[in-house]
């Protein structure tokens, strides 16, 4: 199977930039987990969206207390598009409306670039 491509939208990169101030290794942590991503280990939210746990090199909490990210798998796992990311220590969960907002912003950005 071909390795899926990864697309970081500007919307996602803004979220990442805020977290990177406190957690400088966050981008490397994301790349490490996404490169070995297995969708059966992720929580399916539906419509090709998955919630994944991302352990942090900057925290001593393991996966359970580190980061959460929602990703969109486009066209049979050929493209991975992270929608949002947050520190579990700051936010317990995000609402369905918040997830829809992140999804809509990301898709809007992609369509504008076409």
PDB file of N, CA and C in Angstrom:
ATOM      1  N   UNK A   1       0.837  -1.192   0.000  1.00  0.00           N
ATOM      2  CA  UNK A   1       0.000   0.000   0.000  1.00  0.00           C
ATOM      3  C   UNK A   1       0.880   1.254   0.000  1.00  0.00           C
ATOM      4  N   UNK A   2       0.494   2.242  -0.768  1.00  0.00           N
ATOM      5  CA  UNK A   2       1.228   3.490  -0.875  1.00  0.00           C
ATOM      6  C   UNK A   2       1.067   4.318   0.396  1.00  0.00           C
ATOM      7  N   UNK A   3       2.159   4.954   0.799  1.00  0.00           N
ATOM      8  CA  UNK A   3       2.125   5.835   1.968  1.00  0.00           C
ATOM      9  C   UNK A   3       1.250   7.048   1.642  1.00  0.00           C
ATOM     10  N   UNK A   4       0.254   7.361   2.484  1.00  0.00           N
ATOM     11  CA  UNK A   4      -0.598   8.524   2.207  1.00  0.00           C
ATOM     12  C   UNK A   4       0.176   9.836   2.323  1.00  0.00           C
ATOM     13  N   UNK A   5      -0.267  10.822   1.574  1.00  0.00           N
ATOM     14  CA  UNK A   5       0.338  12.157   1.655  1.00  0.00           C
ATOM     15  C   UNK A   5      -0.293  12.897   2.826  1.00  0.00           C
ATOM     16  N   UNK A   6       0.420  13.869   3.343  1.00  0.00           N
ATOM     17  CA  UNK A   6      -0.034  14.657   4.483  1.00  0.00           C
ATOM     18  C   UNK A   6      -0.164  16.111   4.056  1.00  0.00           C
ATOM     19  N   UNK A   7      -1.299  16.728   4.376  1.00  0.00           N
ATOM     20  CA  UNK A   7      -1.533  18.131   4.030  1.00  0.00           C
ATOM     21  C   UNK A   7      -1.865  18.907   5.294  1.00  0.00           C
ATOM     22  N   UNK A   8      -1.012  19.888   5.633  1.00  0.00           N
ATOM     23  CA  UNK A   8      -1.269  20.792   6.763  1.00  0.00           C
ATOM     24  C   UNK A   8      -1.882  22.071   6.213  1.00  0.00           C
ATOM     25  N   UNK A   9      -3.151  22.287   6.472  1.00  0.00           N
ATOM     26  CA  UNK A   9      -3.815  23.515   6.026  1.00  0.00           C
ATOM     27  C   UNK A   9      -3.292  24.700   6.838  1.00  0.00           C
ATOM     28  N   UNK A  10      -3.512  25.895   6.327  1.00  0.00           N
ATOM     29  CA  UNK A  10      -3.127  27.095   7.080  1.00  0.00           C
ATOM     30  C   UNK A  10      -3.927  27.168   8.377  1.00  0.00           C
ATOM     31  N   UNK A  11      -5.172  26.747   8.329  1.00  0.00           N
ATOM     32  CA  UNK A  11      -6.034  26.726   9.517  1.00  0.00           C
ATOM     33  C   UNK A  11      -5.405  25.844  10.605  1.00  0.00           C
ATOM     34  N   UNK A  12      -4.922  24.675  10.216  1.00  0.00           N
ATOM     35  CA  UNK A  12      -4.285  23.766  11.169  1.00  0.00           C
ATOM     36  C   UNK A  12      -2.940  24.329  11.637  1.00  0.00           C
ATOM     37  N   UNK A  13      -2.191  24.915  10.727  1.00  0.00           N
ATOM     38  CA  UNK A  13      -0.874  25.458  11.086  1.00  0.00           C
ATOM     39  C   UNK A  13      -0.980  26.590  12.110  1.00  0.00           C
ATOM     40  N   UNK A  14      -2.058  27.364  12.064  1.00  0.00           N
ATOM     41  CA  UNK A  14      -2.263  28.414  13.074  1.00  0.00           C
ATOM     42  C   UNK A  14      -2.441  27.800  14.457  1.00  0.00           C
ATOM     43  N   UNK A  15      -3.205  26.713  14.533  1.00  0.00           N
ATOM     44  CA  UNK A  15      -3.392  26.019  15.808  1.00  0.00           C
ATOM     45  C   UNK A  15      -2.061  25.459  16.298  1.00  0.00           C
ATOM     46  N   UNK A  16      -1.316  24.898  15.372  1.00  0.00           N
ATOM     47  CA  UNK A  16      -0.024  24.301  15.682  1.00  0.00           C
ATOM     48  C   UNK A  16       0.961  25.346  16.203  1.00  0.00           C
ATOM     49  N   UNK A  17       0.954  26.511  15.583  1.00  0.00           N
ATOM     50  CA  UNK A  17       1.862  27.587  15.974  1.00  0.00           C
ATOM     51  C   UNK A  17       1.631  28.009  17.425  1.00  0.00           C
ATOM     52  N   UNK A  18       0.361  28.101  17.831  1.00  0.00           N
ATOM     53  CA  UNK A  18       0.040  28.475  19.214  1.00  0.00           C
ATOM     54  C   UNK A  18       0.568  27.437  20.198  1.00  0.00           C
ATOM     55  N   UNK A  19       0.405  26.173  19.866  1.00  0.00           N
ATOM     56  CA  UNK A  19       0.861  25.103  20.751  1.00  0.00           C
ATOM     57  C   UNK A  19       2.383  24.963  20.749  1.00  0.00           C
ATOM     58  N   UNK A  20       3.009  25.314  19.623  1.00  0.00           N
ATOM     59  CA  UNK A  20       4.460  25.140  19.490  1.00  0.00           C
ATOM     60  C   UNK A  20       5.245  26.026  20.457  1.00  0.00           C
ATOM     61  N   UNK A  21       4.659  27.139  20.868  1.00  0.00           N
ATOM     62  CA  UNK A  21       5.340  28.009  21.838  1.00  0.00           C
ATOM     63  C   UNK A  21       5.622  27.262  23.135  1.00  0.00           C
ATOM     64  N   UNK A  22       4.644  26.504  23.578  1.00  0.00           N
ATOM     65  CA  UNK A  22       4.781  25.769  24.834  1.00  0.00           C
ATOM     66  C   UNK A  22       5.355  24.366  24.627  1.00  0.00           C
ATOM     67  N   UNK A  23       5.082  23.788  23.462  1.00  0.00           N
ATOM     68  CA  UNK A  23       5.511  22.420  23.163  1.00  0.00           C
ATOM     69  C   UNK A  23       6.314  22.420  21.856  1.00  0.00           C
ATOM     70  N   UNK A  24       7.607  22.747  21.903  1.00  0.00           N
ATOM     71  CA  UNK A  24       8.405  22.922  20.685  1.00  0.00           C
ATOM     72  C   UNK A  24       8.527  21.679  19.792  1.00  0.00           C
ATOM     73  N   UNK A  25       8.334  20.498  20.338  1.00  0.00           N
ATOM     74  CA  UNK A  25       8.473  19.264  19.554  1.00  0.00           C
ATOM     75  C   UNK A  25       7.164  18.781  18.931  1.00  0.00           C
ATOM     76  N   UNK A  26       6.115  19.572  19.037  1.00  0.00           N
ATOM     77  CA  UNK A  26       4.783  19.102  18.628  1.00  0.00           C
ATOM     78  C   UNK A  26       4.710  18.664  17.161  1.00  0.00           C
ATOM     79  N   UNK A  27       5.343  19.390  16.263  1.00  0.00           N
ATOM     80  CA  UNK A  27       5.263  19.011  14.847  1.00  0.00           C
ATOM     81  C   UNK A  27       5.928  17.651  14.614  1.00  0.00           C
ATOM     82  N   UNK A  28       7.069  17.418  15.245  1.00  0.00           N
ATOM     83  CA  UNK A  28       7.734  16.119  15.129  1.00  0.00           C
ATOM     84  C   UNK A  28       6.878  15.005  15.723  1.00  0.00           C
ATOM     85  N   UNK A  29       6.201  15.301  16.837  1.00  0.00           N
ATOM     86  CA  UNK A  29       5.318  14.315  17.470  1.00  0.00           C
ATOM     87  C   UNK A  29       4.169  13.943  16.538  1.00  0.00           C
ATOM     88  N   UNK A  30       3.604  14.945  15.869  1.00  0.00           N
ATOM     89  CA  UNK A  30       2.501  14.705  14.930  1.00  0.00           C
ATOM     90  C   UNK A  30       2.977  13.859  13.753  1.00  0.00           C
ATOM     91  N   UNK A  31       4.108  14.245  13.178  1.00  0.00           N
ATOM     92  CA  UNK A  31       4.627  13.509  12.023  1.00  0.00           C
ATOM     93  C   UNK A  31       4.924  12.058  12.381  1.00  0.00           C
ATOM     94  N   UNK A  32       5.469  11.834  13.568  1.00  0.00           N
ATOM     95  CA  UNK A  32       5.798  10.468  13.994  1.00  0.00           C
ATOM     96  C   UNK A  32       4.551   9.603  14.098  1.00  0.00           C
ATOM     97  N   UNK A  33       3.501  10.132  14.685  1.00  0.00           N
ATOM     98  CA  UNK A  33       2.284   9.328  14.871  1.00  0.00           C
ATOM     99  C   UNK A  33       1.521   9.155  13.558  1.00  0.00           C
ATOM    100  N   UNK A  34       1.500  10.179  12.726  1.00  0.00           N
ATOM    101  CA  UNK A  34       0.765  10.082  11.461  1.00  0.00           C
ATOM    102  C   UNK A  34       1.474   9.142  10.488  1.00  0.00           C
ATOM    103  N   UNK A  35       2.805   9.121  10.519  1.00  0.00           N
ATOM    104  CA  UNK A  35       3.538   8.217   9.634  1.00  0.00           C
ATOM    105  C   UNK A  35       3.298   6.748   9.961  1.00  0.00           C
ATOM    106  N   UNK A  36       2.929   6.461  11.190  1.00  0.00           N
ATOM    107  CA  UNK A  36       2.628   5.074  11.548  1.00  0.00           C
ATOM    108  C   UNK A  36       1.141   4.871  11.846  1.00  0.00           C
ATOM    109  N   UNK A  37       0.320   5.776  11.339  1.00  0.00           N
ATOM    110  CA  UNK A  37      -1.116   5.752  11.615  1.00  0.00           C
ATOM    111  C   UNK A  37      -1.778   4.483  11.091  1.00  0.00           C
ATOM    112  N   UNK A  38      -2.547   3.880  11.963  1.00  0.00           N
ATOM    113  CA  UNK A  38      -3.393   2.757  11.583  1.00  0.00           C
ATOM    114  C   UNK A  38      -4.808   3.146  11.979  1.00  0.00           C
ATOM    115  N   UNK A  39      -5.694   3.214  11.015  1.00  0.00           N
ATOM    116  CA  UNK A  39      -7.041   3.706  11.301  1.00  0.00           C
ATOM    117  C   UNK A  39      -7.806   2.816  12.268  1.00  0.00           C
ATOM    118  N   UNK A  40      -7.436   1.546  12.367  1.00  0.00           N
ATOM    119  CA  UNK A  40      -8.139   0.694  13.323  1.00  0.00           C
ATOM    120  C   UNK A  40      -7.768   1.031  14.765  1.00  0.00           C
ATOM    121  N   UNK A  41      -6.655   1.753  14.980  1.00  0.00           N
ATOM    122  CA  UNK A  41      -6.265   2.186  16.323  1.00  0.00           C
ATOM    123  C   UNK A  41      -6.843   3.561  16.663  1.00  0.00           C
ATOM    124  N   UNK A  42      -7.340   4.271  15.652  1.00  0.00           N
ATOM    125  CA  UNK A  42      -7.934   5.592  15.857  1.00  0.00           C
ATOM    126  C   UNK A  42      -9.433   5.436  16.108  1.00  0.00           C
ATOM    127  N   UNK A  43     -10.022   6.460  16.697  1.00  0.00           N
ATOM    128  CA  UNK A  43     -11.459   6.451  16.978  1.00  0.00           C
ATOM    129  C   UNK A  43     -12.187   7.084  15.795  1.00  0.00           C
ATOM    130  N   UNK A  44     -13.030   6.300  15.136  1.00  0.00           N
ATOM    131  CA  UNK A  44     -13.779   6.814  13.990  1.00  0.00           C
ATOM    132  C   UNK A  44     -14.938   7.682  14.475  1.00  0.00           C
ATOM    133  N   UNK A  45     -15.002   8.899  13.961  1.00  0.00           N
ATOM    134  CA  UNK A  45     -16.081   9.826  14.277  1.00  0.00           C
ATOM    135  C   UNK A  45     -17.158   9.726  13.193  1.00  0.00           C
ATOM    136  N   UNK A  46     -16.806   9.148  12.068  1.00  0.00           N
ATOM    137  CA  UNK A  46     -17.709   9.038  10.926  1.00  0.00           C
ATOM    138  C   UNK A  46     -17.272   9.966   9.812  1.00  0.00           C
ATOM    139  N   UNK A  47     -17.747   9.706   8.613  1.00  0.00           N
ATOM    140  CA  UNK A  47     -17.440  10.529   7.437  1.00  0.00           C
ATOM    141  C   UNK A  47     -15.937  10.674   7.207  1.00  0.00           C
ATOM    142  N   UNK A  48     -15.179   9.607   7.430  1.00  0.00           N
ATOM    143  CA  UNK A  48     -13.722   9.566   7.226  1.00  0.00           C
ATOM    144  C   UNK A  48     -12.950  10.476   8.173  1.00  0.00           C
ATOM    145  N   UNK A  49     -13.537  10.831   9.305  1.00  0.00           N
ATOM    146  CA  UNK A  49     -12.857  11.644  10.316  1.00  0.00           C
ATOM    147  C   UNK A  49     -12.522  10.747  11.504  1.00  0.00           C
ATOM    148  N   UNK A  50     -11.280  10.874  11.971  1.00  0.00           N
ATOM    149  CA  UNK A  50     -10.799  10.060  13.083  1.00  0.00           C
ATOM    150  C   UNK A  50     -10.191  10.944  14.162  1.00  0.00           C
ATOM    151  N   UNK A  51     -10.346  10.515  15.396  1.00  0.00           N
ATOM    152  CA  UNK A  51      -9.721  11.188  16.531  1.00  0.00           C
ATOM    153  C   UNK A  51      -8.511  10.346  16.917  1.00  0.00           C
ATOM    154  N   UNK A  52      -7.346  10.989  17.008  1.00  0.00           N
ATOM    155  CA  UNK A  52      -6.139  10.256  17.368  1.00  0.00           C
ATOM    156  C   UNK A  52      -5.482  10.881  18.594  1.00  0.00           C
ATOM    157  N   UNK A  53      -4.769  10.057  19.321  1.00  0.00           N
ATOM    158  CA  UNK A  53      -3.969  10.512  20.461  1.00  0.00           C
ATOM    159  C   UNK A  53      -2.542  10.703  19.980  1.00  0.00           C
ATOM    160  N   UNK A  54      -1.940  11.797  20.400  1.00  0.00           N
ATOM    161  CA  UNK A  54      -0.564  12.082  20.007  1.00  0.00           C
ATOM    162  C   UNK A  54       0.260  12.285  21.271  1.00  0.00           C
ATOM    163  N   UNK A  55       1.193  11.379  21.561  1.00  0.00           N
ATOM    164  CA  UNK A  55       2.045  11.575  22.734  1.00  0.00           C
ATOM    165  C   UNK A  55       2.975  12.765  22.504  1.00  0.00           C
ATOM    166  N   UNK A  56       3.344  13.432  23.577  1.00  0.00           N
ATOM    167  CA  UNK A  56       4.196  14.618  23.472  1.00  0.00           C
ATOM    168  C   UNK A  56       5.589  14.349  24.025  1.00  0.00           C
ATOM    169  N   UNK A  57       6.598  14.750  23.267  1.00  0.00           N
ATOM    170  CA  UNK A  57       7.981  14.666  23.739  1.00  0.00           C
ATOM    171  C   UNK A  57       8.251  15.715  24.809  1.00  0.00           C
ATOM    172  N   UNK A  58       7.409  16.746  24.866  1.00  0.00           N
ATOM    173  CA  UNK A  58       7.606  17.852  25.800  1.00  0.00           C
ATOM    174  C   UNK A  58       6.854  17.671  27.114  1.00  0.00           C
ATOM    175  N   UNK A  59       5.991  16.673  27.208  1.00  0.00           N
ATOM    176  CA  UNK A  59       5.222  16.420  28.434  1.00  0.00           C
ATOM    177  C   UNK A  59       5.576  15.036  28.965  1.00  0.00           C
ATOM    178  N   UNK A  60       5.375  14.850  30.229  1.00  0.00           N
ATOM    179  CA  UNK A  60       5.627  13.547  30.840  1.00  0.00           C
ATOM    180  C   UNK A  60       4.311  12.820  31.106  1.00  0.00           C
ATOM    181  N   UNK A  61       3.386  12.862  30.168  1.00  0.00           N
ATOM    182  CA  UNK A  61       2.054  12.319  30.416  1.00  0.00           C
ATOM    183  C   UNK A  61       1.689  11.135  29.536  1.00  0.00           C
ATOM    184  N   UNK A  62       2.471  10.793  28.542  1.00  0.00           N
ATOM    185  CA  UNK A  62       2.088   9.714  27.638  1.00  0.00           C
ATOM    186  C   UNK A  62       0.937  10.133  26.744  1.00  0.00           C
ATOM    187  N   UNK A  63       0.356   9.171  26.045  1.00  0.00           N
ATOM    188  CA  UNK A  63      -0.734   9.473  25.110  1.00  0.00           C
ATOM    189  C   UNK A  63      -1.981  10.001  25.801  1.00  0.00           C
ATOM    190  N   UNK A  64      -2.301   9.459  26.974  1.00  0.00           N
ATOM    191  CA  UNK A  64      -3.583   9.799  27.604  1.00  0.00           C
ATOM    192  C   UNK A  64      -3.687  11.258  28.025  1.00  0.00           C
ATOM    193  N   UNK A  65      -2.577  11.906  28.344  1.00  0.00           N
ATOM    194  CA  UNK A  65      -2.637  13.294  28.787  1.00  0.00           C
ATOM    195  C   UNK A  65      -2.043  14.291  27.824  1.00  0.00           C
ATOM    196  N   UNK A  66      -1.657  13.861  26.651  1.00  0.00           N
ATOM    197  CA  UNK A  66      -0.964  14.748  25.719  1.00  0.00           C
ATOM    198  C   UNK A  66      -1.917  15.483  24.786  1.00  0.00           C
ATOM    199  N   UNK A  67      -1.833  15.207  23.492  1.00  0.00           N
ATOM    200  CA  UNK A  67      -2.621  15.928  22.500  1.00  0.00           C
ATOM    201  C   UNK A  67      -3.695  15.041  21.892  1.00  0.00           C
ATOM    202  N   UNK A  68      -4.722  15.704  21.367  1.00  0.00           N
ATOM    203  CA  UNK A  68      -5.748  15.045  20.575  1.00  0.00           C
ATOM    204  C   UNK A  68      -5.817  15.797  19.255  1.00  0.00           C
ATOM    205  N   UNK A  69      -6.026  15.052  18.200  1.00  0.00           N
ATOM    206  CA  UNK A  69      -6.184  15.667  16.895  1.00  0.00           C
ATOM    207  C   UNK A  69      -7.285  14.933  16.152  1.00  0.00           C
ATOM    208  N   UNK A  70      -8.029  15.674  15.369  1.00  0.00           N
ATOM    209  CA  UNK A  70      -9.009  15.078  14.476  1.00  0.00           C
ATOM    210  C   UNK A  70      -8.424  15.164  13.082  1.00  0.00           C
ATOM    211  N   UNK A  71      -8.435  14.052  12.378  1.00  0.00           N
ATOM    212  CA  UNK A  71      -7.884  14.021  11.028  1.00  0.00           C
ATOM    213  C   UNK A  71      -8.959  13.560  10.054  1.00  0.00           C
ATOM    214  N   UNK A  72      -8.828  14.007   8.830  1.00  0.00           N
ATOM    215  CA  UNK A  72      -9.741  13.626   7.757  1.00  0.00           C
ATOM    216  C   UNK A  72      -8.946  12.787   6.768  1.00  0.00           C
ATOM    217  N   UNK A  73      -9.414  11.578   6.503  1.00  0.00           N
ATOM    218  CA  UNK A  73      -8.762  10.716   5.519  1.00  0.00           C
ATOM    219  C   UNK A  73      -9.519  10.849   4.208  1.00  0.00           C
ATOM    220  N   UNK A  74      -8.851  11.382   3.219  1.00  0.00           N
ATOM    221  CA  UNK A  74      -9.489  11.673   1.943  1.00  0.00           C
ATOM    222  C   UNK A  74      -9.180  10.576   0.923  1.00  0.00           C
ATOM    223  N   UNK A  75     -10.146  10.193   0.166  1.00  0.00           N
ATOM    224  CA  UNK A  75     -10.043   9.235  -0.927  1.00  0.00           C
ATOM    225  C   UNK A  75      -9.273   7.972  -0.554  1.00  0.00           C
ATOM    226  N   UNK A  76      -9.923   7.143   0.218  1.00  0.00           N
ATOM    227  CA  UNK A  76      -9.393   5.820   0.578  1.00  0.00           C
ATOM    228  C   UNK A  76      -7.973   5.885   1.136  1.00  0.00           C
ATOM    229  N   UNK A  77      -7.765   6.777   2.082  1.00  0.00           N
ATOM    230  CA  UNK A  77      -6.499   6.888   2.814  1.00  0.00           C
ATOM    231  C   UNK A  77      -5.307   7.347   1.971  1.00  0.00           C
ATOM    232  N   UNK A  78      -5.540   8.073   0.867  1.00  0.00           N
ATOM    233  CA  UNK A  78      -4.421   8.556   0.064  1.00  0.00           C
ATOM    234  C   UNK A  78      -3.937   9.928   0.515  1.00  0.00           C
ATOM    235  N   UNK A  79      -4.762  10.636   1.287  1.00  0.00           N
ATOM    236  CA  UNK A  79      -4.402  11.967   1.777  1.00  0.00           C
ATOM    237  C   UNK A  79      -4.898  12.122   3.213  1.00  0.00           C
ATOM    238  N   UNK A  80      -3.993  12.517   4.101  1.00  0.00           N
ATOM    239  CA  UNK A  80      -4.344  12.758   5.499  1.00  0.00           C
ATOM    240  C   UNK A  80      -4.343  14.261   5.721  1.00  0.00           C
ATOM    241  N   UNK A  81      -5.467  14.775   6.220  1.00  0.00           N
ATOM    242  CA  UNK A  81      -5.610  16.212   6.459  1.00  0.00           C
ATOM    243  C   UNK A  81      -5.979  16.422   7.925  1.00  0.00           C
ATOM    244  N   UNK A  82      -5.019  16.855   8.762  1.00  0.00           N
ATOM    245  CA  UNK A  82      -5.376  17.169  10.150  1.00  0.00           C
ATOM    246  C   UNK A  82      -6.317  18.372  10.178  1.00  0.00           C
ATOM    247  N   UNK A  83      -7.390  18.261  10.945  1.00  0.00           N
ATOM    248  CA  UNK A  83      -8.382  19.336  11.024  1.00  0.00           C
ATOM    249  C   UNK A  83      -8.123  20.256  12.202  1.00  0.00           C
ATOM    250  N   UNK A  84      -7.801  19.678  13.350  1.00  0.00           N
ATOM    251  CA  UNK A  84      -7.558  20.476  14.546  1.00  0.00           C
ATOM    252  C   UNK A  84      -6.699  19.676  15.511  1.00  0.00           C
ATOM    253  N   UNK A  85      -6.105  20.393  16.455  1.00  0.00           N
ATOM    254  CA  UNK A  85      -5.287  19.767  17.488  1.00  0.00           C
ATOM    255  C   UNK A  85      -5.442  20.576  18.763  1.00  0.00           C
ATOM    256  N   UNK A  86      -5.416  19.886  19.889  1.00  0.00           N
ATOM    257  CA  UNK A  86      -5.510  20.576  21.172  1.00  0.00           C
ATOM    258  C   UNK A  86      -4.819  19.754  22.245  1.00  0.00           C
ATOM    259  N   UNK A  87      -4.391  20.444  23.302  1.00  0.00           N
ATOM    260  CA  UNK A  87      -3.772  19.775  24.444  1.00  0.00           C
ATOM    261  C   UNK A  87      -4.878  19.250  25.345  1.00  0.00           C
ATOM    262  N   UNK A  88      -4.825  17.979  25.657  1.00  0.00           N
ATOM    263  CA  UNK A  88      -5.844  17.345  26.498  1.00  0.00           C
ATOM    264  C   UNK A  88      -5.886  17.992  27.879  1.00  0.00           C
ATOM    265  N   UNK A  89      -4.754  18.514  28.353  1.00  0.00           N
ATOM    266  CA  UNK A  89      -4.708  19.159  29.672  1.00  0.00           C
ATOM    267  C   UNK A  89      -5.484  20.477  29.698  1.00  0.00           C
ATOM    268  N   UNK A  90      -5.690  21.086  28.540  1.00  0.00           N
ATOM    269  CA  UNK A  90      -6.411  22.363  28.449  1.00  0.00           C
ATOM    270  C   UNK A  90      -7.879  22.187  28.067  1.00  0.00           C
ATOM    271  N   UNK A  91      -8.150  21.225  27.198  1.00  0.00           N
ATOM    272  CA  UNK A  91      -9.505  20.992  26.694  1.00  0.00           C
ATOM    273  C   UNK A  91      -9.799  19.497  26.790  1.00  0.00           C
ATOM    274  N   UNK A  92     -10.887  19.154  27.448  1.00  0.00           N
ATOM    275  CA  UNK A  92     -11.252  17.738  27.606  1.00  0.00           C
ATOM    276  C   UNK A  92     -11.693  17.135  26.271  1.00  0.00           C
ATOM    277  N   UNK A  93     -12.628  17.771  25.615  1.00  0.00           N
ATOM    278  CA  UNK A  93     -13.156  17.334  24.321  1.00  0.00           C
ATOM    279  C   UNK A  93     -13.619  18.562  23.549  1.00  0.00           C
ATOM    280  N   UNK A  94     -13.792  18.403  22.240  1.00  0.00           N
ATOM    281  CA  UNK A  94     -14.394  19.489  21.476  1.00  0.00           C
ATOM    282  C   UNK A  94     -15.786  19.038  21.040  1.00  0.00           C
ATOM    283  N   UNK A  95     -16.658  20.000  20.861  1.00  0.00           N
ATOM    284  CA  UNK A  95     -18.044  19.687  20.499  1.00  0.00           C
ATOM    285  C   UNK A  95     -18.141  19.335  19.014  1.00  0.00           C
ATOM    286  N   UNK A  96     -19.259  18.769  18.665  1.00  0.00           N
ATOM    287  CA  UNK A  96     -19.523  18.437  17.267  1.00  0.00           C
ATOM    288  C   UNK A  96     -19.525  19.707  16.414  1.00  0.00           C
ATOM    289  N   UNK A  97     -20.054  20.805  16.965  1.00  0.00           N
ATOM    290  CA  UNK A  97     -20.069  22.081  16.236  1.00  0.00           C
ATOM    291  C   UNK A  97     -18.659  22.611  16.009  1.00  0.00           C
ATOM    292  N   UNK A  98     -17.795  22.475  17.017  1.00  0.00           N
ATOM    293  CA  UNK A  98     -16.405  22.916  16.853  1.00  0.00           C
ATOM    294  C   UNK A  98     -15.704  22.091  15.782  1.00  0.00           C
ATOM    295  N   UNK A  99     -15.924  20.782  15.803  1.00  0.00           N
ATOM    296  CA  UNK A  99     -15.317  19.911  14.798  1.00  0.00           C
ATOM    297  C   UNK A  99     -15.823  20.274  13.403  1.00  0.00           C
ATOM    298  N   UNK A 100     -17.110  20.536  13.287  1.00  0.00           N
ATOM    299  CA  UNK A 100     -17.685  20.944  11.999  1.00  0.00           C
ATOM    300  C   UNK A 100     -17.048  22.250  11.525  1.00  0.00           C
ATOM    301  N   UNK A 101     -16.831  23.185  12.457  1.00  0.00           N
ATOM    302  CA  UNK A 101     -16.185  24.453  12.113  1.00  0.00           C
ATOM    303  C   UNK A 101     -14.782  24.194  11.539  1.00  0.00           C
ATOM    304  N   UNK A 102     -13.988  23.383  12.216  1.00  0.00           N
ATOM    305  CA  UNK A 102     -12.628  23.087  11.747  1.00  0.00           C
ATOM    306  C   UNK A 102     -12.655  22.384  10.388  1.00  0.00           C
ATOM    307  N   UNK A 103     -13.585  21.455  10.217  1.00  0.00           N
ATOM    308  CA  UNK A 103     -13.721  20.752   8.944  1.00  0.00           C
ATOM    309  C   UNK A 103     -14.085  21.739   7.831  1.00  0.00           C
ATOM    310  N   UNK A 104     -15.089  22.570   8.085  1.00  0.00           N
ATOM    311  CA  UNK A 104     -15.538  23.544   7.083  1.00  0.00           C
ATOM    312  C   UNK A 104     -14.426  24.518   6.708  1.00  0.00           C
ATOM    313  N   UNK A 105     -13.685  25.006   7.699  1.00  0.00           N
ATOM    314  CA  UNK A 105     -12.589  25.948   7.434  1.00  0.00           C
ATOM    315  C   UNK A 105     -11.516  25.293   6.561  1.00  0.00           C
ATOM    316  N   UNK A 106     -11.190  24.056   6.870  1.00  0.00           N
ATOM    317  CA  UNK A 106     -10.157  23.340   6.124  1.00  0.00           C
ATOM    318  C   UNK A 106     -10.596  23.076   4.691  1.00  0.00           C
ATOM    319  N   UNK A 107     -11.805  22.591   4.515  1.00  0.00           N
ATOM    320  CA  UNK A 107     -12.308  22.301   3.165  1.00  0.00           C
ATOM    321  C   UNK A 107     -12.438  23.587   2.349  1.00  0.00           C
ATOM    322  N   UNK A 108     -12.912  24.648   2.978  1.00  0.00           N
ATOM    323  CA  UNK A 108     -13.027  25.951   2.299  1.00  0.00           C
ATOM    324  C   UNK A 108     -11.655  26.402   1.796  1.00  0.00           C
ATOM    325  N   UNK A 109     -10.652  26.262   2.627  1.00  0.00           N
ATOM    326  CA  UNK A 109      -9.291  26.654   2.247  1.00  0.00           C
ATOM    327  C   UNK A 109      -8.785  25.822   1.067  1.00  0.00           C
ATOM    328  N   UNK A 110      -9.038  24.534   1.106  1.00  0.00           N
ATOM    329  CA  UNK A 110      -8.596  23.652   0.015  1.00  0.00           C
ATOM    330  C   UNK A 110      -9.293  24.026  -1.290  1.00  0.00           C
ATOM    331  N   UNK A 111     -10.592  24.264  -1.234  1.00  0.00           N
ATOM    332  CA  UNK A 111     -11.354  24.622  -2.437  1.00  0.00           C
ATOM    333  C   UNK A 111     -10.858  25.944  -3.018  1.00  0.00           C
ATOM    334  N   UNK A 112     -10.545  26.907  -2.150  1.00  0.00           N
ATOM    335  CA  UNK A 112     -10.053  28.207  -2.626  1.00  0.00           C
ATOM    336  C   UNK A 112      -8.708  28.073  -3.334  1.00  0.00           C
ATOM    337  N   UNK A 113      -7.922  27.068  -2.974  1.00  0.00           N
ATOM    338  CA  UNK A 113      -6.603  26.883  -3.590  1.00  0.00           C
ATOM    339  C   UNK A 113      -6.667  26.139  -4.915  1.00  0.00           C
ATOM    340  N   UNK A 114      -7.808  25.521  -5.204  1.00  0.00           N
ATOM    341  CA  UNK A 114      -7.939  24.763  -6.466  1.00  0.00           C
ATOM    342  C   UNK A 114      -8.107  25.661  -7.661  1.00  0.00           C
TER     343      UNK A 114
END
